[in-house]
């Protein structure tokens, strides 16, 4: 009887404490939200698509630059400009030489 007198208040106290315990202290369960998961997956796919488009854009820019540099027309234009500058410089030096003579 002595034992039952001690255990009854303890059991009642534990039960009252369990009922009055705040919800935030209770164990939390992992929740899988398929809607949110799908939305996050969709955002990641969009981000990957943006990266792919950026890489493609830079690839096109690089190929365009290489095409311009190796294009025969561009090379010939540059050579023509350099030759015309050289011709003008020689003509100027010849004229100075004639003036000095």
PDB file of N, CA and C in Angstrom:
ATOM      1  N   UNK A   1       0.818  -1.181   0.000  1.00  0.00           N
ATOM      2  CA  UNK A   1       0.000   0.000   0.000  1.00  0.00           C
ATOM      3  C   UNK A   1       0.864   1.247   0.000  1.00  0.00           C
ATOM      4  N   UNK A   2       1.939   1.197   0.671  1.00  0.00           N
ATOM      5  CA  UNK A   2       2.855   2.327   0.720  1.00  0.00           C
ATOM      6  C   UNK A   2       3.391   2.634  -0.675  1.00  0.00           C
ATOM      7  N   UNK A   3       3.637   1.590  -1.414  1.00  0.00           N
ATOM      8  CA  UNK A   3       4.150   1.741  -2.763  1.00  0.00           C
ATOM      9  C   UNK A   3       3.095   2.368  -3.689  1.00  0.00           C
ATOM     10  N   UNK A   4       1.857   1.952  -3.575  1.00  0.00           N
ATOM     11  CA  UNK A   4       0.781   2.479  -4.399  1.00  0.00           C
ATOM     12  C   UNK A   4       0.496   3.945  -4.060  1.00  0.00           C
ATOM     13  N   UNK A   5       0.677   4.326  -2.835  1.00  0.00           N
ATOM     14  CA  UNK A   5       0.467   5.713  -2.414  1.00  0.00           C
ATOM     15  C   UNK A   5       1.523   6.617  -3.058  1.00  0.00           C
ATOM     16  N   UNK A   6       2.705   6.135  -3.222  1.00  0.00           N
ATOM     17  CA  UNK A   6       3.781   6.942  -3.824  1.00  0.00           C
ATOM     18  C   UNK A   6       3.628   6.990  -5.353  1.00  0.00           C
ATOM     19  N   UNK A   7       3.264   5.873  -5.998  1.00  0.00           N
ATOM     20  CA  UNK A   7       3.200   5.796  -7.458  1.00  0.00           C
ATOM     21  C   UNK A   7       1.999   6.542  -8.049  1.00  0.00           C
ATOM     22  N   UNK A   8       0.870   6.562  -7.356  1.00  0.00           N
ATOM     23  CA  UNK A   8      -0.327   7.221  -7.896  1.00  0.00           C
ATOM     24  C   UNK A   8      -0.087   8.708  -8.186  1.00  0.00           C
ATOM     25  N   UNK A   9       0.446   9.505  -7.277  1.00  0.00           N
ATOM     26  CA  UNK A   9       0.675  10.920  -7.599  1.00  0.00           C
ATOM     27  C   UNK A   9       1.714  11.108  -8.724  1.00  0.00           C
ATOM     28  N   UNK A  10       2.703  10.196  -8.760  1.00  0.00           N
ATOM     29  CA  UNK A  10       3.716  10.310  -9.820  1.00  0.00           C
ATOM     30  C   UNK A  10       3.082  10.036 -11.184  1.00  0.00           C
ATOM     31  N   UNK A  11       2.277   9.011 -11.311  1.00  0.00           N
ATOM     32  CA  UNK A  11       1.624   8.662 -12.574  1.00  0.00           C
ATOM     33  C   UNK A  11       0.659   9.769 -12.994  1.00  0.00           C
ATOM     34  N   UNK A  12      -0.087  10.294 -12.076  1.00  0.00           N
ATOM     35  CA  UNK A  12      -1.022  11.389 -12.382  1.00  0.00           C
ATOM     36  C   UNK A  12      -0.246  12.631 -12.830  1.00  0.00           C
ATOM     37  N   UNK A  13       0.856  12.926 -12.182  1.00  0.00           N
ATOM     38  CA  UNK A  13       1.687  14.077 -12.556  1.00  0.00           C
ATOM     39  C   UNK A  13       2.263  13.931 -13.966  1.00  0.00           C
ATOM     40  N   UNK A  14       2.738  12.708 -14.288  1.00  0.00           N
ATOM     41  CA  UNK A  14       3.280  12.462 -15.624  1.00  0.00           C
ATOM     42  C   UNK A  14       2.185  12.608 -16.674  1.00  0.00           C
ATOM     43  N   UNK A  15       1.001  12.092 -16.413  1.00  0.00           N
ATOM     44  CA  UNK A  15      -0.103  12.203 -17.366  1.00  0.00           C
ATOM     45  C   UNK A  15      -0.536  13.656 -17.565  1.00  0.00           C
ATOM     46  N   UNK A  16      -0.624  14.405 -16.491  1.00  0.00           N
ATOM     47  CA  UNK A  16      -0.994  15.826 -16.602  1.00  0.00           C
ATOM     48  C   UNK A  16       0.084  16.600 -17.359  1.00  0.00           C
ATOM     49  N   UNK A  17       1.350  16.293 -17.079  1.00  0.00           N
ATOM     50  CA  UNK A  17       2.449  16.968 -17.783  1.00  0.00           C
ATOM     51  C   UNK A  17       2.418  16.629 -19.272  1.00  0.00           C
ATOM     52  N   UNK A  18       2.105  15.388 -19.624  1.00  0.00           N
ATOM     53  CA  UNK A  18       2.049  14.993 -21.031  1.00  0.00           C
ATOM     54  C   UNK A  18       0.901  15.703 -21.744  1.00  0.00           C
ATOM     55  N   UNK A  19      -0.211  15.891 -21.057  1.00  0.00           N
ATOM     56  CA  UNK A  19      -1.345  16.580 -21.677  1.00  0.00           C
ATOM     57  C   UNK A  19      -1.097  18.083 -21.827  1.00  0.00           C
ATOM     58  N   UNK A  20      -0.377  18.664 -20.894  1.00  0.00           N
ATOM     59  CA  UNK A  20      -0.129  20.104 -20.928  1.00  0.00           C
ATOM     60  C   UNK A  20       1.126  20.484 -21.706  1.00  0.00           C
ATOM     61  N   UNK A  21       1.880  19.501 -22.158  1.00  0.00           N
ATOM     62  CA  UNK A  21       3.140  19.757 -22.852  1.00  0.00           C
ATOM     63  C   UNK A  21       2.858  20.498 -24.173  1.00  0.00           C
ATOM     64  N   UNK A  22       3.649  21.548 -24.461  1.00  0.00           N
ATOM     65  CA  UNK A  22       3.439  22.273 -25.724  1.00  0.00           C
ATOM     66  C   UNK A  22       3.702  21.377 -26.932  1.00  0.00           C
ATOM     67  N   UNK A  23       3.040  21.695 -28.019  1.00  0.00           N
ATOM     68  CA  UNK A  23       3.132  20.879 -29.228  1.00  0.00           C
ATOM     69  C   UNK A  23       4.542  20.917 -29.803  1.00  0.00           C
ATOM     70  N   UNK A  24       5.254  22.032 -29.681  1.00  0.00           N
ATOM     71  CA  UNK A  24       6.568  22.166 -30.287  1.00  0.00           C
ATOM     72  C   UNK A  24       7.607  21.259 -29.649  1.00  0.00           C
ATOM     73  N   UNK A  25       7.356  20.776 -28.464  1.00  0.00           N
ATOM     74  CA  UNK A  25       8.304  19.911 -27.792  1.00  0.00           C
ATOM     75  C   UNK A  25       8.125  18.461 -28.228  1.00  0.00           C
ATOM     76  N   UNK A  26       6.973  18.138 -28.777  1.00  0.00           N
ATOM     77  CA  UNK A  26       6.728  16.767 -29.205  1.00  0.00           C
ATOM     78  C   UNK A  26       7.580  16.452 -30.428  1.00  0.00           C
ATOM     79  N   UNK A  27       7.766  15.193 -30.664  1.00  0.00           N
ATOM     80  CA  UNK A  27       8.606  14.744 -31.772  1.00  0.00           C
ATOM     81  C   UNK A  27       8.024  15.210 -33.103  1.00  0.00           C
ATOM     82  N   UNK A  28       8.923  15.571 -34.022  1.00  0.00           N
ATOM     83  CA  UNK A  28       8.473  16.019 -35.338  1.00  0.00           C
ATOM     84  C   UNK A  28       8.753  14.916 -36.346  1.00  0.00           C
ATOM     85  N   UNK A  29       7.873  14.798 -37.301  1.00  0.00           N
ATOM     86  CA  UNK A  29       7.999  13.775 -38.329  1.00  0.00           C
ATOM     87  C   UNK A  29       8.438  14.427 -39.632  1.00  0.00           C
ATOM     88  N   UNK A  30       9.215  13.690 -40.401  1.00  0.00           N
ATOM     89  CA  UNK A  30       9.631  14.171 -41.710  1.00  0.00           C
ATOM     90  C   UNK A  30       8.436  14.110 -42.647  1.00  0.00           C
ATOM     91  N   UNK A  31       8.212  15.224 -43.344  1.00  0.00           N
ATOM     92  CA  UNK A  31       7.059  15.307 -44.229  1.00  0.00           C
ATOM     93  C   UNK A  31       7.565  15.455 -45.655  1.00  0.00           C
ATOM     94  N   UNK A  32       7.037  14.672 -46.566  1.00  0.00           N
ATOM     95  CA  UNK A  32       7.372  14.779 -47.980  1.00  0.00           C
ATOM     96  C   UNK A  32       6.221  15.472 -48.675  1.00  0.00           C
ATOM     97  N   UNK A  33       6.528  16.621 -49.264  1.00  0.00           N
ATOM     98  CA  UNK A  33       5.516  17.403 -49.970  1.00  0.00           C
ATOM     99  C   UNK A  33       5.766  17.249 -51.465  1.00  0.00           C
ATOM    100  N   UNK A  34       4.999  16.419 -52.150  1.00  0.00           N
ATOM    101  CA  UNK A  34       5.264  16.180 -53.565  1.00  0.00           C
ATOM    102  C   UNK A  34       5.065  17.431 -54.426  1.00  0.00           C
ATOM    103  N   UNK A  35       4.159  18.298 -54.057  1.00  0.00           N
ATOM    104  CA  UNK A  35       3.938  19.522 -54.830  1.00  0.00           C
ATOM    105  C   UNK A  35       5.162  20.423 -54.763  1.00  0.00           C
ATOM    106  N   UNK A  36       5.685  20.626 -53.555  1.00  0.00           N
ATOM    107  CA  UNK A  36       6.876  21.455 -53.381  1.00  0.00           C
ATOM    108  C   UNK A  36       8.085  20.803 -54.046  1.00  0.00           C
ATOM    109  N   UNK A  37       8.188  19.494 -53.953  1.00  0.00           N
ATOM    110  CA  UNK A  37       9.291  18.779 -54.593  1.00  0.00           C
ATOM    111  C   UNK A  37       9.255  18.979 -56.105  1.00  0.00           C
ATOM    112  N   UNK A  38       8.071  18.874 -56.684  1.00  0.00           N
ATOM    113  CA  UNK A  38       7.918  19.092 -58.121  1.00  0.00           C
ATOM    114  C   UNK A  38       8.271  20.510 -58.519  1.00  0.00           C
ATOM    115  N   UNK A  39       7.875  21.482 -57.698  1.00  0.00           N
ATOM    116  CA  UNK A  39       8.180  22.888 -57.973  1.00  0.00           C
ATOM    117  C   UNK A  39       9.684  23.138 -57.916  1.00  0.00           C
ATOM    118  N   UNK A  40      10.355  22.583 -56.907  1.00  0.00           N
ATOM    119  CA  UNK A  40      11.798  22.751 -56.795  1.00  0.00           C
ATOM    120  C   UNK A  40      12.514  22.068 -57.963  1.00  0.00           C
ATOM    121  N   UNK A  41      12.031  20.917 -58.364  1.00  0.00           N
ATOM    122  CA  UNK A  41      12.614  20.210 -59.507  1.00  0.00           C
ATOM    123  C   UNK A  41      12.441  21.030 -60.783  1.00  0.00           C
ATOM    124  N   UNK A  42      11.273  21.637 -60.941  1.00  0.00           N
ATOM    125  CA  UNK A  42      11.006  22.484 -62.112  1.00  0.00           C
ATOM    126  C   UNK A  42      11.941  23.690 -62.129  1.00  0.00           C
ATOM    127  N   UNK A  43      12.179  24.307 -60.972  1.00  0.00           N
ATOM    128  CA  UNK A  43      13.088  25.450 -60.895  1.00  0.00           C
ATOM    129  C   UNK A  43      14.512  25.043 -61.257  1.00  0.00           C
ATOM    130  N   UNK A  44      14.948  23.870 -60.804  1.00  0.00           N
ATOM    131  CA  UNK A  44      16.293  23.403 -61.126  1.00  0.00           C
ATOM    132  C   UNK A  44      16.439  23.121 -62.615  1.00  0.00           C
ATOM    133  N   UNK A  45      15.410  22.576 -63.230  1.00  0.00           N
ATOM    134  CA  UNK A  45      15.452  22.323 -64.671  1.00  0.00           C
ATOM    135  C   UNK A  45      15.535  23.649 -65.430  1.00  0.00           C
ATOM    136  N   UNK A  46      14.788  24.661 -64.983  1.00  0.00           N
ATOM    137  CA  UNK A  46      14.850  25.977 -65.622  1.00  0.00           C
ATOM    138  C   UNK A  46      16.248  26.585 -65.468  1.00  0.00           C
ATOM    139  N   UNK A  47      16.854  26.416 -64.308  1.00  0.00           N
ATOM    140  CA  UNK A  47      18.200  26.937 -64.082  1.00  0.00           C
ATOM    141  C   UNK A  47      19.207  26.241 -64.995  1.00  0.00           C
ATOM    142  N   UNK A  48      19.073  24.938 -65.147  1.00  0.00           N
ATOM    143  CA  UNK A  48      19.960  24.192 -66.043  1.00  0.00           C
ATOM    144  C   UNK A  48      19.775  24.661 -67.478  1.00  0.00           C
ATOM    145  N   UNK A  49      18.525  24.896 -67.880  1.00  0.00           N
ATOM    146  CA  UNK A  49      18.267  25.387 -69.238  1.00  0.00           C
ATOM    147  C   UNK A  49      18.892  26.757 -69.463  1.00  0.00           C
ATOM    148  N   UNK A  50      18.865  27.621 -68.448  1.00  0.00           N
ATOM    149  CA  UNK A  50      19.497  28.942 -68.572  1.00  0.00           C
ATOM    150  C   UNK A  50      21.007  28.793 -68.743  1.00  0.00           C
ATOM    151  N   UNK A  51      21.612  27.886 -67.979  1.00  0.00           N
ATOM    152  CA  UNK A  51      23.054  27.663 -68.105  1.00  0.00           C
ATOM    153  C   UNK A  51      23.404  27.124 -69.492  1.00  0.00           C
ATOM    154  N   UNK A  52      22.598  26.210 -69.987  1.00  0.00           N
ATOM    155  CA  UNK A  52      22.854  25.651 -71.319  1.00  0.00           C
ATOM    156  C   UNK A  52      22.745  26.732 -72.376  1.00  0.00           C
ATOM    157  N   UNK A  53      21.736  27.596 -72.262  1.00  0.00           N
ATOM    158  CA  UNK A  53      21.578  28.692 -73.228  1.00  0.00           C
ATOM    159  C   UNK A  53      22.760  29.658 -73.156  1.00  0.00           C
ATOM    160  N   UNK A  54      23.247  29.935 -71.957  1.00  0.00           N
ATOM    161  CA  UNK A  54      24.406  30.822 -71.798  1.00  0.00           C
ATOM    162  C   UNK A  54      25.645  30.203 -72.443  1.00  0.00           C
ATOM    163  N   UNK A  55      25.862  28.918 -72.202  1.00  0.00           N
ATOM    164  CA  UNK A  55      27.009  28.233 -72.807  1.00  0.00           C
ATOM    165  C   UNK A  55      26.887  28.249 -74.332  1.00  0.00           C
ATOM    166  N   UNK A  56      25.689  28.006 -74.848  1.00  0.00           N
ATOM    167  CA  UNK A  56      25.483  28.040 -76.302  1.00  0.00           C
ATOM    168  C   UNK A  56      25.750  29.426 -76.872  1.00  0.00           C
ATOM    169  N   UNK A  57      25.336  30.459 -76.153  1.00  0.00           N
ATOM    170  CA  UNK A  57      25.570  31.832 -76.609  1.00  0.00           C
ATOM    171  C   UNK A  57      27.069  32.124 -76.696  1.00  0.00           C
ATOM    172  N   UNK A  58      27.817  31.764 -75.663  1.00  0.00           N
ATOM    173  CA  UNK A  58      29.261  32.005 -75.690  1.00  0.00           C
ATOM    174  C   UNK A  58      29.952  31.153 -76.759  1.00  0.00           C
ATOM    175  N   UNK A  59      29.436  29.954 -76.996  1.00  0.00           N
ATOM    176  CA  UNK A  59      29.995  29.111 -78.053  1.00  0.00           C
ATOM    177  C   UNK A  59      29.786  29.771 -79.419  1.00  0.00           C
ATOM    178  N   UNK A  60      28.587  30.314 -79.645  1.00  0.00           N
ATOM    179  CA  UNK A  60      28.332  31.006 -80.913  1.00  0.00           C
ATOM    180  C   UNK A  60      29.223  32.236 -81.054  1.00  0.00           C
ATOM    181  N   UNK A  61      29.432  32.984 -79.962  1.00  0.00           N
ATOM    182  CA  UNK A  61      30.302  34.156 -80.017  1.00  0.00           C
ATOM    183  C   UNK A  61      31.736  33.738 -80.365  1.00  0.00           C
ATOM    184  N   UNK A  62      32.213  32.675 -79.764  1.00  0.00           N
ATOM    185  CA  UNK A  62      33.563  32.187 -80.021  1.00  0.00           C
ATOM    186  C   UNK A  62      33.705  31.738 -81.481  1.00  0.00           C
ATOM    187  N   UNK A  63      32.736  30.958 -81.948  1.00  0.00           N
ATOM    188  CA  UNK A  63      32.790  30.490 -83.331  1.00  0.00           C
ATOM    189  C   UNK A  63      32.737  31.652 -84.314  1.00  0.00           C
ATOM    190  N   UNK A  64      31.956  32.672 -84.012  1.00  0.00           N
ATOM    191  CA  UNK A  64      31.874  33.851 -84.867  1.00  0.00           C
ATOM    192  C   UNK A  64      33.215  34.582 -84.910  1.00  0.00           C
ATOM    193  N   UNK A  65      33.846  34.728 -83.749  1.00  0.00           N
ATOM    194  CA  UNK A  65      35.145  35.405 -83.704  1.00  0.00           C
ATOM    195  C   UNK A  65      36.201  34.618 -84.480  1.00  0.00           C
ATOM    196  N   UNK A  66      36.209  33.311 -84.316  1.00  0.00           N
ATOM    197  CA  UNK A  66      37.168  32.480 -85.046  1.00  0.00           C
ATOM    198  C   UNK A  66      36.907  32.581 -86.542  1.00  0.00           C
ATOM    199  N   UNK A  67      35.623  32.577 -86.926  1.00  0.00           N
ATOM    200  CA  UNK A  67      35.278  32.699 -88.341  1.00  0.00           C
ATOM    201  C   UNK A  67      35.732  34.022 -88.924  1.00  0.00           C
ATOM    202  N   UNK A  68      35.592  35.095 -88.156  1.00  0.00           N
ATOM    203  CA  UNK A  68      36.020  36.404 -88.646  1.00  0.00           C
ATOM    204  C   UNK A  68      37.538  36.465 -88.792  1.00  0.00           C
ATOM    205  N   UNK A  69      38.244  35.878 -87.857  1.00  0.00           N
ATOM    206  CA  UNK A  69      39.705  35.938 -87.919  1.00  0.00           C
ATOM    207  C   UNK A  69      40.279  35.061 -89.030  1.00  0.00           C
ATOM    208  N   UNK A  70      39.648  33.955 -89.300  1.00  0.00           N
ATOM    209  CA  UNK A  70      40.186  33.046 -90.299  1.00  0.00           C
ATOM    210  C   UNK A  70      39.554  33.234 -91.676  1.00  0.00           C
ATOM    211  N   UNK A  71      38.627  34.121 -91.759  1.00  0.00           N
ATOM    212  CA  UNK A  71      37.960  34.367 -93.038  1.00  0.00           C
ATOM    213  C   UNK A  71      38.948  35.030 -94.009  1.00  0.00           C
ATOM    214  N   UNK A  72      39.004  34.548 -95.218  1.00  0.00           N
ATOM    215  CA  UNK A  72      39.930  35.072 -96.213  1.00  0.00           C
ATOM    216  C   UNK A  72      39.654  36.536 -96.514  1.00  0.00           C
ATOM    217  N   UNK A  73      38.386  36.898 -96.533  1.00  0.00           N
ATOM    218  CA  UNK A  73      38.032  38.286 -96.814  1.00  0.00           C
ATOM    219  C   UNK A  73      38.570  39.211 -95.733  1.00  0.00           C
ATOM    220  N   UNK A  74      38.450  38.803 -94.485  1.00  0.00           N
ATOM    221  CA  UNK A  74      38.969  39.612 -93.384  1.00  0.00           C
ATOM    222  C   UNK A  74      40.480  39.736 -93.439  1.00  0.00           C
ATOM    223  N   UNK A  75      41.140  38.633 -93.788  1.00  0.00           N
ATOM    224  CA  UNK A  75      42.603  38.655 -93.878  1.00  0.00           C
ATOM    225  C   UNK A  75      43.041  39.577 -95.012  1.00  0.00           C
ATOM    226  N   UNK A  76      42.368  39.466 -96.155  1.00  0.00           N
ATOM    227  CA  UNK A  76      42.736  40.303 -97.293  1.00  0.00           C
ATOM    228  C   UNK A  76      42.469  41.782 -97.019  1.00  0.00           C
ATOM    229  N   UNK A  77      41.404  42.091 -96.326  1.00  0.00           N
ATOM    230  CA  UNK A  77      41.099  43.479 -95.977  1.00  0.00           C
ATOM    231  C   UNK A  77      42.190  44.042 -95.076  1.00  0.00           C
ATOM    232  N   UNK A  78      42.606  43.267 -94.086  1.00  0.00           N
ATOM    233  CA  UNK A  78      43.659  43.718 -93.177  1.00  0.00           C
ATOM    234  C   UNK A  78      44.974  43.916 -93.928  1.00  0.00           C
ATOM    235  N   UNK A  79      45.301  42.983 -94.813  1.00  0.00           N
ATOM    236  CA  UNK A  79      46.537  43.119 -95.592  1.00  0.00           C
ATOM    237  C   UNK A  79      46.477  44.337 -96.499  1.00  0.00           C
ATOM    238  N   UNK A  80      45.322  44.594 -97.111  1.00  0.00           N
ATOM    239  CA  UNK A  80      45.160  45.749 -97.981  1.00  0.00           C
ATOM    240  C   UNK A  80      45.336  47.057 -97.201  1.00  0.00           C
ATOM    241  N   UNK A  81      44.778  47.109 -96.000  1.00  0.00           N
ATOM    242  CA  UNK A  81      44.936  48.309 -95.164  1.00  0.00           C
ATOM    243  C   UNK A  81      46.399  48.523 -94.800  1.00  0.00           C
ATOM    244  N   UNK A  82      47.088  47.453 -94.434  1.00  0.00           N
ATOM    245  CA  UNK A  82      48.499  47.578 -94.065  1.00  0.00           C
ATOM    246  C   UNK A  82      49.350  48.014 -95.264  1.00  0.00           C
ATOM    247  N   UNK A  83      49.068  47.468 -96.440  1.00  0.00           N
ATOM    248  CA  UNK A  83      49.822  47.858 -97.631  1.00  0.00           C
ATOM    249  C   UNK A  83      49.566  49.308 -98.022  1.00  0.00           C
ATOM    250  N   UNK A  84      48.322  49.745 -97.886  1.00  0.00           N
ATOM    251  CA  UNK A  84      48.029  51.145 -98.232  1.00  0.00           C
ATOM    252  C   UNK A  84      48.709  52.095 -97.246  1.00  0.00           C
ATOM    253  N   UNK A  85      48.783  51.741 -95.971  1.00  0.00           N
ATOM    254  CA  UNK A  85      49.493  52.577 -95.007  1.00  0.00           C
ATOM    255  C   UNK A  85      50.986  52.607 -95.340  1.00  0.00           C
ATOM    256  N   UNK A  86      51.529  51.440 -95.693  1.00  0.00           N
ATOM    257  CA  UNK A  86      52.942  51.369 -96.060  1.00  0.00           C
ATOM    258  C   UNK A  86      53.214  52.211 -97.316  1.00  0.00           C
ATOM    259  N   UNK A  87      52.317  52.150 -98.290  1.00  0.00           N
ATOM    260  CA  UNK A  87      52.482  52.929 -99.530  1.00  0.00           C
ATOM    261  C   UNK A  87      52.442  54.420 -99.236  1.00  0.00           C
ATOM    262  N   UNK A  88      51.511  54.848 -98.378  1.00  0.00           N
ATOM    263  CA  UNK A  88      51.436  56.270 -98.020  1.00  0.00           C
ATOM    264  C   UNK A  88      52.692  56.733 -97.292  1.00  0.00           C
ATOM    265  N   UNK A  89      53.210  55.886 -96.404  1.00  0.00           N
ATOM    266  CA  UNK A  89      54.416  56.233 -95.657  1.00  0.00           C
ATOM    267  C   UNK A  89      55.610  56.358 -96.602  1.00  0.00           C
ATOM    268  N   UNK A  90      55.760  55.443 -97.544  1.00  0.00           N
ATOM    269  CA  UNK A  90      56.863  55.512 -98.507  1.00  0.00           C
ATOM    270  C   UNK A  90      56.736  56.744 -99.413  1.00  0.00           C
ATOM    271  N   UNK A  91      55.513  57.033 -99.803  1.00  0.00           N
ATOM    272  CA  UNK A  91      55.293  58.209-100.643  1.00  0.00           C
ATOM    273  C   UNK A  91      55.660  59.481 -99.884  1.00  0.00           C
ATOM    274  N   UNK A  92      55.303  59.550 -98.629  1.00  0.00           N
ATOM    275  CA  UNK A  92      55.633  60.722 -97.808  1.00  0.00           C
ATOM    276  C   UNK A  92      57.134  60.864 -97.654  1.00  0.00           C
ATOM    277  N   UNK A  93      57.830  59.757 -97.400  1.00  0.00           N
ATOM    278  CA  UNK A  93      59.280  59.805 -97.237  1.00  0.00           C
ATOM    279  C   UNK A  93      59.958  60.201 -98.558  1.00  0.00           C
ATOM    280  N   UNK A  94      59.432  59.729 -99.670  1.00  0.00           N
ATOM    281  CA  UNK A  94      59.986  60.094-100.972  1.00  0.00           C
ATOM    282  C   UNK A  94      59.822  61.583-101.222  1.00  0.00           C
ATOM    283  N   UNK A  95      58.656  62.097-100.882  1.00  0.00           N
ATOM    284  CA  UNK A  95      58.422  63.539-101.065  1.00  0.00           C
ATOM    285  C   UNK A  95      59.368  64.360-100.186  1.00  0.00           C
ATOM    286  N   UNK A  96      59.615  63.920 -98.955  1.00  0.00           N
ATOM    287  CA  UNK A  96      60.534  64.644 -98.075  1.00  0.00           C
ATOM    288  C   UNK A  96      61.955  64.606 -98.652  1.00  0.00           C
ATOM    289  N   UNK A  97      62.306  63.446 -99.154  1.00  0.00           N
ATOM    290  CA  UNK A  97      63.636  63.304 -99.751  1.00  0.00           C
ATOM    291  C   UNK A  97      63.799  64.243-100.949  1.00  0.00           C
ATOM    292  N   UNK A  98      62.797  64.393-101.763  1.00  0.00           N
ATOM    293  CA  UNK A  98      62.853  65.284-102.915  1.00  0.00           C
ATOM    294  C   UNK A  98      62.939  66.743-102.466  1.00  0.00           C
ATOM    295  N   UNK A  99      62.219  67.082-101.410  1.00  0.00           N
ATOM    296  CA  UNK A  99      62.255  68.456-100.896  1.00  0.00           C
ATOM    297  C   UNK A  99      63.645  68.760-100.351  1.00  0.00           C
ATOM    298  N   UNK A 100      64.246  67.816 -99.650  1.00  0.00           N
ATOM    299  CA  UNK A 100      65.557  68.048 -99.053  1.00  0.00           C
ATOM    300  C   UNK A 100      66.615  68.173-100.145  1.00  0.00           C
ATOM    301  N   UNK A 101      66.539  67.401-101.227  1.00  0.00           N
ATOM    302  CA  UNK A 101      67.523  67.460-102.302  1.00  0.00           C
ATOM    303  C   UNK A 101      67.435  68.811-102.967  1.00  0.00           C
TER     304      UNK A 101
END
